[in-house]
Amino acid sequence: MELWLDLLFGNAIGLASMLVIFSTIGIVGFIAWMFISKSAKPGT
């Protein structure tokens, strides 16, 4: 676990890759939430 933390937060490349992963998950989650909320209310 310490190796992963050092690899992720020890350098800028690991931090940037984590930022990309989390932002991608956030965008996908937001699109999925929009799709579910639109499909849950027919007529809107």
Protein backbone atom coordinates (compact mmCIF):
# COMPACT_ATOMS: atom_id res chain seq x y z
CA MET A 1 0.00 0.00 0.00
CA GLU A 2 2.84 2.40 0.78
CA LEU A 3 4.37 1.59 -2.61
CA TRP A 4 1.11 2.58 -4.33
CA LEU A 5 0.85 5.80 -2.32
CA ASP A 6 4.45 6.68 -3.10
CA LEU A 7 3.91 5.85 -6.76
CA LEU A 8 0.69 7.88 -7.01
CA PHE A 9 1.51 10.91 -4.88
CA GLY A 10 5.30 10.91 -5.05
CA ASN A 11 5.54 12.39 -8.54
CA ALA A 12 3.50 14.64 -10.80
CA ILE A 13 2.78 11.90 -13.36
CA GLY A 14 1.04 9.66 -10.82
CA LEU A 15 -0.93 12.61 -9.45
CA ALA A 16 -2.01 13.66 -12.95
CA SER A 17 -3.09 10.11 -13.79
CA MET A 18 -5.14 9.90 -10.58
CA LEU A 19 -6.71 13.26 -11.43
CA VAL A 20 -7.64 11.99 -14.91
CA ILE A 21 -9.10 8.77 -13.47
CA PHE A 22 -11.21 10.58 -10.87
CA SER A 23 -12.42 13.22 -13.33
CA THR A 24 -13.37 10.50 -15.82
CA ILE A 25 -15.34 8.65 -13.13
CA GLY A 26 -17.04 11.92 -12.18
CA ILE A 27 -18.01 12.73 -15.77
CA VAL A 28 -19.32 9.22 -16.43
CA GLY A 29 -21.27 9.29 -13.18
CA PHE A 30 -22.76 12.68 -14.04
CA ILE A 31 -23.83 11.50 -17.52
CA ALA A 32 -25.32 8.32 -16.05
CA TRP A 33 -27.20 10.38 -13.43
CA MET A 34 -28.56 12.72 -16.12
CA PHE A 35 -29.67 9.73 -18.21
CA ILE A 36 -31.36 8.02 -15.25
CA SER A 37 -33.09 11.21 -14.09
CA LYS A 38 -34.35 11.92 -17.61
CA SER A 39 -35.57 8.36 -18.17
CA ALA A 40 -37.24 8.30 -14.74
CA LYS A 41 -39.50 11.23 -15.68
CA PRO A 42 -41.27 10.51 -18.97
CA GLY A 43 -42.52 13.56 -20.82
CA THR A 44 -39.70 15.92 -19.82
